[in-house]
Amino acid sequence: MNISGQNNYFCIKPLFAEHLIKVFKYLFVVWMSLFTSACVVIREIPIETLQPAKITFKDSRKKIAIYAPPSLLDEAIQSNEATYGVHTDSLINNTLYSLKSLLEKAPGFERTSFAVFVTDDHRKIPQSSDFDYFISLDHLQLKNRHYIEQYSFQTWEASVEVFYIALWSVRNRDGDIIENYIDRDIRTWFSGIISDWTAAASPSYRVDAVKTKLPSINDIWWDLGIILARSCTKFLAPHWQKEERAIYMLNKFPELSGLAYTALKNNGHERAINIWEEMLVACRKRGQKKIKGKINYNIAVGHEYMNQLDESIQWLQRSINYSSNKVNTTYLRLLENRKKQSIILDQQTNSNY
């Protein structure tokens, strides 16, 4: 009897241990579900925002002359041997006419007419008194640099860079300068591997042979004029700028998060907002503040995509009230800055963007 009782006693232990293991497994599963539901993944999504110009023209803007002096490129070429023999007139004309074409399509310039001239003085422009403003390219400095390094016995790694400085001026009807714009940049025009089979030649001769295979500044003349015009357009006119916004992908709502992200990315802004609002309703019963804060943040991004900045700031304030963090506070400063810029944009475009 004693032996049998002892056997029963010792048989209870493994049964009790097995029961505890099941309890711990259950608690672990519950804890992991709660933990993973609070986890989030941040994904970037592109957005284009309209940025104001650095200069605001008056509403009387009707006619603008764009010009540059004929000696502009002669001065730039004298200090740069690599530009010897280039077609200077083509660069001047391409820069000025590219600027004219870009400004004609820019927001706020729909009622403006442009004319292009090559002259060293705005007073020499025919019927100059008819123009409200004058935009001039006053100075241009060009320098190009070659980088050639032996990559292997018969191949060379080479690149060509062009450094430029351009000075633009904006004058009123009387010829007084009201704004200057200095544009400077370094552009890599070529980068790659060049083969050279003159293995028996001297190293210096081989470097010269590689140089002959590099693009000359004549080859990039057209592109340079367009680049100069685009940069100046950003100074003179409102322009679109590509940016990115962060979106929270909530593990608690994996399918809905994916649907909302895809909708927003494909310009389904209202659809994305509706999905996030459904998620918000589902969370209210459980009182999860951090998740609510992230959903409110996403809704704020959706309203910004619709250019509803006031609504976006309101939803973002709710996000901060639920759970303040670096992401939503930084985003709030960005939206407040965009709100200030929208006032300037209204003055420059006479319309709401």
Protein backbone atom coordinates (compact mmCIF):
# COMPACT_ATOMS: atom_id res chain seq x y z
CA MET A 1 0.00 0.00 0.00
CA ASN A 2 2.76 2.42 0.93
CA ILE A 3 4.65 1.62 -2.20
CA SER A 4 1.51 2.11 -4.30
CA GLY A 5 0.77 5.44 -2.59
CA GLN A 6 4.27 6.64 -3.24
CA ASN A 7 3.91 5.70 -6.88
CA ASN A 8 0.67 7.71 -7.11
CA TYR A 9 2.35 10.67 -5.46
CA PHE A 10 5.27 10.62 -7.84
CA CYS A 11 2.91 10.24 -10.82
CA ILE A 12 1.18 13.53 -9.95
CA LYS A 13 4.39 15.57 -10.46
CA PRO A 14 4.73 15.17 -14.22
CA LEU A 15 1.02 15.86 -14.68
CA PHE A 16 1.30 19.08 -12.66
CA ALA A 17 4.43 20.14 -14.56
CA GLU A 18 2.71 19.50 -17.88
CA HIS A 19 -0.19 21.66 -16.76
CA LEU A 20 2.16 24.51 -15.79
CA ILE A 21 3.87 24.32 -19.17
CA LYS A 22 0.52 24.72 -20.92
CA VAL A 23 -0.33 27.73 -18.73
CA PHE A 24 3.02 29.38 -19.46
CA LYS A 25 2.63 28.74 -23.18
CA TYR A 26 -0.80 30.35 -23.12
CA LEU A 27 0.46 33.38 -21.20
CA PHE A 28 3.42 33.70 -23.60
CA VAL A 29 1.12 33.63 -26.63
CA VAL A 30 -1.11 36.30 -25.07
CA TRP A 31 1.90 38.46 -24.21
CA MET A 32 3.37 38.13 -27.69
CA SER A 33 0.05 39.03 -29.31
CA LEU A 34 -0.16 42.17 -27.20
CA PHE A 35 3.49 43.02 -27.94
CA THR A 36 3.30 42.49 -31.67
CA SER A 37 0.05 44.42 -31.93
CA ALA A 38 1.91 47.47 -30.61
CA CYS A 39 4.81 47.03 -33.06
CA VAL A 40 4.91 49.22 -36.14
CA VAL A 41 6.93 49.53 -39.31
CA ILE A 42 7.56 52.91 -40.93
CA ARG A 43 7.45 53.09 -44.73
CA GLU A 44 8.36 56.11 -46.84
CA ILE A 45 5.99 57.40 -49.49
CA PRO A 46 6.76 60.10 -52.12
CA ILE A 47 5.00 63.44 -52.26
CA GLU A 48 5.40 66.54 -54.42
CA THR A 49 4.99 69.93 -52.76
CA LEU A 50 4.81 73.33 -54.44
CA GLN A 51 7.60 75.56 -53.14
CA PRO A 52 7.44 79.37 -53.36
CA ALA A 53 9.92 81.35 -55.43
CA LYS A 54 12.64 83.35 -53.71
CA ILE A 55 11.29 86.52 -55.28
CA THR A 56 7.69 87.74 -55.50
CA PHE A 57 6.75 89.81 -58.54
CA LYS A 58 3.93 92.32 -58.33
CA ASP A 59 0.53 91.67 -59.84
CA SER A 60 1.31 94.19 -62.60
CA ARG A 61 3.67 91.63 -64.14
CA LYS A 62 2.85 91.48 -67.85
CA LYS A 63 6.03 91.58 -69.91
CA ILE A 64 9.53 90.41 -69.01
CA ALA A 65 12.75 90.66 -71.03
CA ILE A 66 15.47 88.02 -70.62
CA TYR A 67 18.95 88.95 -71.83
CA ALA A 68 22.69 88.35 -71.52
CA PRO A 69 25.72 90.27 -72.82
CA PRO A 70 27.42 88.88 -75.94
CA SER A 71 30.84 88.97 -74.23
CA LEU A 72 29.66 86.80 -71.34
CA LEU A 73 31.14 83.53 -72.56
CA ASP A 74 34.30 85.14 -73.95
CA GLU A 75 35.27 86.13 -70.41
CA ALA A 76 34.49 82.64 -69.08
CA ILE A 77 36.48 80.92 -71.83
CA GLN A 78 39.64 83.01 -71.37
CA SER A 79 40.28 81.36 -67.99
CA ASN A 80 39.62 77.82 -69.18
CA GLU A 81 41.69 76.13 -71.86
CA ALA A 82 39.30 73.18 -72.08
CA THR A 83 36.54 75.40 -73.47
CA TYR A 84 38.61 76.66 -76.40
CA GLY A 85 36.69 76.58 -79.64
CA VAL A 86 33.24 76.04 -78.14
CA HIS A 87 30.13 77.55 -79.68
CA THR A 88 29.48 80.31 -77.14
CA ASP A 89 26.40 81.68 -78.90
CA SER A 90 24.66 78.31 -78.64
CA LEU A 91 25.10 78.22 -74.87
CA ILE A 92 23.80 81.76 -74.39
CA ASN A 93 20.80 81.22 -76.63
CA ASN A 94 20.01 77.81 -75.19
CA THR A 95 20.16 79.13 -71.61
CA LEU A 96 17.96 82.16 -72.28
CA TYR A 97 15.40 80.39 -74.44
CA SER A 98 15.24 77.43 -72.02
CA LEU A 99 14.54 79.87 -69.19
CA LYS A 100 11.81 81.52 -71.27
CA SER A 101 10.20 78.14 -72.01
CA LEU A 102 10.28 77.04 -68.37
CA LEU A 103 8.86 80.31 -67.03
CA GLU A 104 6.01 80.24 -69.54
CA LYS A 105 4.89 76.93 -67.99
CA ALA A 106 5.54 77.92 -64.36
CA PRO A 107 2.67 78.62 -61.92
CA GLY A 108 1.85 82.31 -61.65
CA PHE A 109 3.23 83.27 -65.07
CA GLU A 110 0.18 82.35 -67.16
CA ARG A 111 -0.51 85.99 -68.09
CA THR A 112 3.12 86.95 -68.65
CA SER A 113 4.84 87.38 -72.02
CA PHE A 114 8.60 86.98 -72.47
CA ALA A 115 11.18 88.12 -75.00
CA VAL A 116 14.86 87.13 -75.34
CA PHE A 117 17.74 89.42 -76.30
CA VAL A 118 21.54 89.33 -76.45
CA THR A 119 22.72 92.73 -75.25
CA ASP A 120 24.89 94.24 -72.53
CA ASP A 121 22.35 96.89 -71.45
CA HIS A 122 18.61 96.67 -70.94
CA ARG A 123 18.26 100.18 -72.37
CA LYS A 124 19.45 98.87 -75.74
CA ILE A 125 16.49 96.50 -75.93
CA PRO A 126 13.97 97.68 -78.53
CA GLN A 127 11.01 99.36 -76.83
CA SER A 128 12.53 98.64 -73.42
CA SER A 129 9.98 100.92 -71.74
CA ASP A 130 7.28 98.36 -72.55
CA PHE A 131 8.80 95.78 -70.19
CA ASP A 132 7.90 95.56 -66.52
CA TYR A 133 10.95 93.51 -65.49
CA PHE A 134 14.35 92.51 -66.86
CA ILE A 135 16.10 89.22 -66.05
CA SER A 136 19.78 89.15 -66.97
CA LEU A 137 22.59 86.59 -66.83
CA ASP A 138 25.41 88.95 -65.79
CA HIS A 139 28.27 86.56 -65.13
CA LEU A 140 29.21 82.98 -65.95
CA GLN A 141 32.41 81.16 -65.02
CA LEU A 142 33.17 77.64 -66.25
CA LYS A 143 35.89 75.18 -65.35
CA ASN A 144 36.15 71.50 -66.15
CA ARG A 145 38.33 68.86 -64.52
CA HIS A 146 39.49 65.41 -65.61
CA TYR A 147 40.22 62.56 -63.22
CA ILE A 148 42.09 59.65 -64.83
CA GLU A 149 43.44 56.70 -62.86
CA GLN A 150 44.72 53.34 -64.06
CA TYR A 151 42.21 50.64 -63.25
CA SER A 152 44.08 47.69 -64.74
CA PHE A 153 46.90 47.20 -67.23
CA GLN A 154 44.75 48.12 -70.22
CA THR A 155 41.81 49.98 -68.67
CA TRP A 156 41.50 53.40 -67.05
CA GLU A 157 38.91 54.82 -64.67
CA ALA A 158 38.02 58.33 -65.79
CA SER A 159 35.55 61.09 -64.99
CA VAL A 160 34.84 64.62 -66.16
CA GLU A 161 33.44 67.34 -63.89
CA VAL A 162 32.31 70.86 -64.74
CA PHE A 163 32.17 73.60 -62.13
CA TYR A 164 30.14 76.70 -62.87
CA ILE A 165 29.16 79.97 -61.20
CA ALA A 166 26.32 82.03 -62.65
CA LEU A 167 25.05 85.42 -61.50
CA TRP A 168 21.49 86.40 -62.37
CA SER A 169 19.89 89.79 -61.73
CA VAL A 170 16.28 90.97 -61.71
CA ARG A 171 15.68 94.62 -62.58
CA ASN A 172 12.56 96.73 -62.47
CA ARG A 173 11.23 99.01 -65.20
CA ASP A 174 13.80 101.69 -64.33
CA GLY A 175 16.70 99.24 -64.49
CA ASP A 176 17.31 99.13 -60.73
CA ILE A 177 18.41 95.73 -59.40
CA ILE A 178 15.78 94.38 -57.02
CA GLU A 179 17.26 90.91 -56.52
CA ASN A 180 20.40 88.88 -57.29
CA TYR A 181 20.75 85.13 -57.53
CA ILE A 182 24.08 83.29 -57.45
CA ASP A 183 23.99 79.74 -58.78
CA ARG A 184 27.00 77.47 -58.34
CA ASP A 185 27.38 73.74 -58.69
CA ILE A 186 29.68 70.90 -59.73
CA ARG A 187 28.31 68.45 -62.27
CA THR A 188 29.78 65.07 -63.17
CA TRP A 189 29.32 64.68 -66.92
CA PHE A 190 31.08 61.38 -67.37
CA SER A 191 32.24 58.54 -65.15
CA GLY A 192 33.31 55.10 -66.37
CA ILE A 193 35.98 52.70 -67.55
CA ILE A 194 37.89 53.41 -70.76
CA SER A 195 40.01 50.77 -72.56
CA ASP A 196 43.39 51.73 -73.95
CA TRP A 197 45.48 49.24 -75.93
CA THR A 198 48.66 51.29 -76.24
CA ALA A 199 50.34 49.15 -73.59
CA ALA A 200 53.84 49.71 -74.94
CA ALA A 201 53.53 53.49 -74.88
CA SER A 202 54.69 55.71 -72.04
CA PRO A 203 52.22 56.38 -69.18
CA SER A 204 51.90 60.05 -70.10
CA TYR A 205 51.10 59.20 -73.73
CA ARG A 206 48.48 56.70 -72.60
CA VAL A 207 46.84 59.31 -70.35
CA ASP A 208 46.65 61.68 -73.32
CA ALA A 209 45.14 58.89 -75.39
CA VAL A 210 42.45 58.35 -72.74
CA LYS A 211 41.67 62.09 -72.65
CA THR A 212 40.83 62.04 -76.36
CA LYS A 213 38.10 59.49 -75.62
CA LEU A 214 36.46 61.64 -72.95
CA PRO A 215 33.51 63.88 -73.84
CA SER A 216 34.48 67.49 -74.51
CA ILE A 217 32.64 70.48 -73.16
CA ASN A 218 31.07 70.88 -76.60
CA ASP A 219 29.20 67.64 -75.93
CA ILE A 220 27.63 69.00 -72.76
CA TRP A 221 26.92 72.52 -73.94
CA TRP A 222 23.23 71.88 -74.52
CA ASP A 223 22.71 70.19 -71.15
CA LEU A 224 24.50 72.99 -69.32
CA GLY A 225 22.16 75.62 -70.73
CA ILE A 226 19.12 73.65 -69.56
CA ILE A 227 20.63 73.16 -66.09
CA LEU A 228 21.31 76.87 -65.71
CA ALA A 229 17.75 77.67 -66.79
CA ARG A 230 16.15 75.14 -64.43
CA SER A 231 18.08 76.43 -61.45
CA CYS A 232 17.13 80.02 -62.20
CA THR A 233 13.47 79.03 -62.64
CA LYS A 234 13.38 77.74 -59.06
CA PHE A 235 14.52 81.18 -57.93
CA LEU A 236 12.03 83.11 -60.07
CA ALA A 237 8.92 80.93 -59.99
CA PRO A 238 7.05 78.49 -57.73
CA HIS A 239 8.26 74.97 -58.41
CA TRP A 240 7.43 71.41 -57.48
CA GLN A 241 9.79 69.61 -55.14
CA LYS A 242 9.91 65.87 -54.51
CA GLU A 243 9.87 64.86 -50.85
CA GLU A 244 8.97 61.84 -48.72
CA ARG A 245 6.60 61.27 -45.83
CA ALA A 246 6.62 58.48 -43.25
CA ILE A 247 3.60 56.18 -42.90
CA TYR A 248 3.01 53.81 -39.97
CA MET A 249 2.27 50.21 -40.94
CA LEU A 250 0.49 48.77 -37.89
CA ASN A 251 0.95 45.06 -37.18
CA LYS A 252 -2.39 45.15 -35.41
CA PHE A 253 -4.02 45.89 -38.77
CA PRO A 254 -1.62 44.38 -41.34
CA GLU A 255 -4.14 44.03 -44.17
CA LEU A 256 -5.81 47.40 -43.68
CA SER A 257 -2.41 49.12 -43.33
CA GLY A 258 -1.32 47.70 -46.67
CA LEU A 259 -4.56 48.76 -48.36
CA ALA A 260 -4.31 52.31 -47.00
CA TYR A 261 -0.66 52.66 -48.03
CA THR A 262 -1.40 51.41 -51.56
CA ALA A 263 -4.40 53.71 -51.88
CA LEU A 264 -2.41 56.77 -50.80
CA LYS A 265 0.46 55.89 -53.14
CA ASN A 266 -1.99 55.62 -56.07
CA ASN A 267 -3.64 58.98 -55.33
CA GLY A 268 -6.58 57.39 -53.54
CA HIS A 269 -6.27 59.89 -50.70
CA GLU A 270 -9.85 59.78 -49.45
CA ARG A 271 -9.89 55.99 -49.61
CA ALA A 272 -6.74 55.83 -47.46
CA ILE A 273 -8.21 58.23 -44.90
CA ASN A 274 -11.43 56.19 -44.69
CA ILE A 275 -9.43 53.02 -44.01
CA TRP A 276 -7.44 54.68 -41.23
CA GLU A 277 -10.64 56.04 -39.69
CA GLU A 278 -12.04 52.46 -39.65
CA MET A 279 -8.89 51.37 -37.80
CA LEU A 280 -9.35 54.25 -35.37
CA VAL A 281 -12.90 53.16 -34.54
CA ALA A 282 -11.68 49.60 -33.88
CA CYS A 283 -9.07 50.90 -31.45
CA ARG A 284 -11.35 53.12 -29.40
CA LYS A 285 -12.87 50.15 -27.60
CA ARG A 286 -9.48 49.02 -26.34
CA GLY A 287 -8.07 52.44 -25.39
CA GLN A 288 -4.64 51.95 -26.98
CA LYS A 289 -3.23 55.47 -27.04
CA LYS A 290 0.01 54.83 -28.93
CA ILE A 291 -1.75 53.05 -31.77
CA LYS A 292 -4.37 55.79 -31.91
CA GLY A 293 -1.61 58.38 -32.10
CA LYS A 294 -0.01 56.64 -35.06
CA ILE A 295 -3.32 56.30 -36.90
CA ASN A 296 -4.06 59.99 -36.35
CA TYR A 297 -0.61 60.74 -37.73
CA ASN A 298 -1.35 58.73 -40.89
CA ILE A 299 -4.63 60.59 -41.36
CA ALA A 300 -2.72 63.86 -41.09
CA VAL A 301 -0.43 62.73 -43.92
CA GLY A 302 -3.48 61.84 -46.02
CA HIS A 303 -4.91 65.34 -45.63
CA GLU A 304 -1.57 66.89 -46.58
CA TYR A 305 -1.64 64.90 -49.81
CA MET A 306 -4.99 66.57 -50.50
CA ASN A 307 -3.34 69.91 -49.64
CA GLN A 308 -5.72 70.34 -46.70
CA LEU A 309 -3.08 71.75 -44.37
CA ASP A 310 -5.47 72.97 -41.66
CA GLU A 311 -7.10 69.55 -41.36
CA SER A 312 -3.69 67.89 -41.45
CA ILE A 313 -2.44 70.01 -38.53
CA GLN A 314 -5.61 69.24 -36.53
CA TRP A 315 -5.18 65.48 -36.91
CA LEU A 316 -1.49 65.76 -36.11
CA GLN A 317 -2.26 67.66 -32.90
CA ARG A 318 -4.49 64.74 -31.88
CA SER A 319 -1.63 62.37 -32.62
CA ILE A 320 0.68 64.38 -30.36
CA ASN A 321 -1.95 64.48 -27.62
CA TYR A 322 -2.17 60.68 -27.67
CA SER A 323 1.57 60.04 -27.84
CA SER A 324 4.19 62.70 -28.54
CA ASN A 325 7.34 61.51 -30.32
CA LYS A 326 10.06 62.77 -32.63
CA VAL A 327 8.20 61.74 -35.78
CA ASN A 328 4.97 63.67 -35.20
CA THR A 329 6.59 66.73 -33.58
CA THR A 330 9.03 67.08 -36.50
CA TYR A 331 6.16 66.67 -38.93
CA LEU A 332 4.21 69.40 -37.13
CA ARG A 333 7.05 71.89 -37.68
CA LEU A 334 7.11 70.93 -41.36
CA LEU A 335 3.37 71.49 -41.76
CA GLU A 336 3.50 74.84 -39.96
CA ASN A 337 6.28 75.92 -42.34
CA ARG A 338 4.20 74.79 -45.33
CA LYS A 339 1.30 76.84 -43.95
CA LYS A 340 3.49 79.95 -43.97
CA GLN A 341 4.70 79.17 -47.47
CA SER A 342 1.12 78.80 -48.72
CA ILE A 343 0.53 82.49 -47.95
CA ILE A 344 3.52 83.43 -50.13
CA LEU A 345 2.35 81.04 -52.85
CA ASP A 346 -1.06 82.72 -52.94
CA GLN A 347 0.66 86.03 -53.59
CA GLN A 348 2.84 84.52 -56.33
CA THR A 349 0.19 82.47 -58.11
CA ASN A 350 -3.07 84.28 -57.26
CA SER A 351 -4.58 80.84 -56.68
CA ASN A 352 -4.70 78.19 -54.01
CA TYR A 353 -2.24 75.29 -54.24
